[in-house]
Amino acid sequence: MRFHPGYYESTVSGQKTLTVRWQESHSPGPALAYFEHTEHGPLPVDITSVDTCRLSELTPQLLHLREGSSVDSYVANLRKHYPTMPQDARVDIVTFRLSAPNI
């Protein structure tokens, strides 16, 4: 899975355990997290679940949002990564954790 470099620290610390993807193919099991445009090497992770829903079905609970964060701002950020994503897109909510050797 590719990540924006700004997510490296929160992924390494275990704070980031969820990502939303559109038109990517991920399934539960071992994977590598790559951080674009950095010197950080890939991190082995375990994808624990992949759940599909429409953008309109996203909730703060599904996204594990902190208090004060909104689904609208999350989707706006998501659109920066997927500018052609339609309003009725089906997205995958991918949960993951660092692989045991990295903990």
Protein backbone atom coordinates (compact mmCIF):
# COMPACT_ATOMS: atom_id res chain seq x y z
CA MET A 1 0.00 0.00 0.00
CA ARG A 2 1.30 3.43 -0.84
CA PHE A 3 1.05 6.22 1.72
CA HIS A 4 1.69 9.93 1.76
CA PRO A 5 5.01 10.55 3.56
CA GLY A 6 3.20 12.50 6.28
CA TYR A 7 1.71 9.25 7.58
CA TYR A 8 5.02 7.57 8.34
CA GLU A 9 5.30 8.57 12.02
CA SER A 10 1.68 7.77 12.87
CA THR A 11 1.99 4.40 11.14
CA VAL A 12 5.25 3.51 12.91
CA SER A 13 3.76 4.52 16.28
CA GLY A 14 0.66 2.41 15.66
CA GLN A 15 -1.69 5.41 15.73
CA LYS A 16 -2.65 5.03 12.07
CA THR A 17 -4.41 1.71 11.58
CA LEU A 18 -6.96 2.57 8.89
CA THR A 19 -6.90 3.85 5.33
CA VAL A 20 -9.63 4.35 2.73
CA ARG A 21 -8.88 3.31 -0.83
CA TRP A 22 -10.69 3.65 -4.15
CA GLN A 23 -10.12 1.29 -7.05
CA GLU A 24 -7.21 -0.48 -5.40
CA SER A 25 -7.11 -4.15 -4.65
CA HIS A 26 -6.25 -5.09 -1.08
CA SER A 27 -7.12 -8.19 0.90
CA PRO A 28 -6.48 -9.37 4.45
CA GLY A 29 -3.00 -10.72 5.06
CA PRO A 30 0.62 -9.56 4.86
CA ALA A 31 1.42 -6.39 2.92
CA LEU A 32 4.03 -3.67 2.66
CA ALA A 33 3.42 -0.01 3.47
CA TYR A 34 5.44 2.28 1.17
CA PHE A 35 5.87 5.97 1.97
CA GLU A 36 6.16 7.95 -1.25
CA HIS A 37 9.05 10.33 -1.87
CA THR A 38 10.94 9.44 1.32
CA GLU A 39 14.03 7.50 2.22
CA HIS A 40 12.00 5.35 4.63
CA GLY A 41 11.97 1.73 3.62
CA PRO A 42 8.73 -0.22 3.39
CA LEU A 43 7.09 -1.39 6.61
CA PRO A 44 5.64 -4.89 6.82
CA VAL A 45 2.01 -4.72 7.93
CA ASP A 46 -0.87 -7.12 8.33
CA ILE A 47 -4.13 -6.07 6.70
CA THR A 48 -6.76 -7.16 9.20
CA SER A 49 -9.92 -6.27 7.28
CA VAL A 50 -11.23 -4.75 4.06
CA ASP A 51 -14.81 -3.47 4.13
CA THR A 52 -16.49 -1.85 1.14
CA CYS A 53 -19.11 0.91 1.30
CA ARG A 54 -20.27 3.97 -0.61
CA LEU A 55 -18.77 7.37 0.18
CA SER A 56 -22.19 8.46 1.43
CA GLU A 57 -22.16 5.62 3.99
CA LEU A 58 -18.93 6.70 5.68
CA THR A 59 -19.37 7.67 9.33
CA PRO A 60 -17.00 8.97 12.01
CA GLN A 61 -17.19 5.56 13.65
CA LEU A 62 -16.25 3.65 10.48
CA LEU A 63 -13.33 6.02 9.91
CA HIS A 64 -12.21 6.00 13.57
CA LEU A 65 -12.27 9.80 13.50
CA ARG A 66 -11.18 11.80 16.50
CA GLU A 67 -13.65 14.15 18.12
CA GLY A 68 -13.83 17.36 16.13
CA SER A 69 -12.95 15.69 12.82
CA SER A 70 -15.56 15.40 10.11
CA VAL A 71 -16.39 12.92 7.40
CA ASP A 72 -16.64 15.81 4.92
CA SER A 73 -13.04 16.90 5.55
CA TYR A 74 -11.88 13.27 5.38
CA VAL A 75 -13.58 12.84 1.99
CA ALA A 76 -12.17 16.17 0.77
CA ASN A 77 -8.67 14.92 1.64
CA LEU A 78 -9.42 11.60 -0.03
CA ARG A 79 -10.37 13.45 -3.23
CA LYS A 80 -6.87 14.99 -3.31
CA HIS A 81 -5.54 11.47 -3.78
CA TYR A 82 -8.35 10.37 -6.13
CA PRO A 83 -9.48 13.48 -8.06
CA THR A 84 -11.64 11.48 -10.50
CA MET A 85 -13.50 9.56 -7.78
CA PRO A 86 -17.26 9.91 -8.41
CA GLN A 87 -19.75 11.05 -5.77
CA ASP A 88 -21.28 7.55 -5.59
CA ALA A 89 -17.92 5.74 -5.42
CA ARG A 90 -17.55 2.48 -3.55
CA VAL A 91 -14.46 2.64 -1.35
CA ASP A 92 -12.58 0.12 0.74
CA ILE A 93 -11.94 0.76 4.41
CA VAL A 94 -8.68 -1.07 5.04
CA THR A 95 -7.57 -1.72 8.62
CA PHE A 96 -4.02 -2.82 9.33
CA ARG A 97 -1.39 -3.17 12.03
CA LEU A 98 2.37 -3.40 12.04
CA SER A 99 3.59 -6.94 11.57
CA ALA A 100 4.82 -8.65 14.73
CA PRO A 101 8.56 -8.21 13.89
CA ASN A 102 8.01 -4.41 13.83
CA ILE A 103 6.23 -4.11 17.17
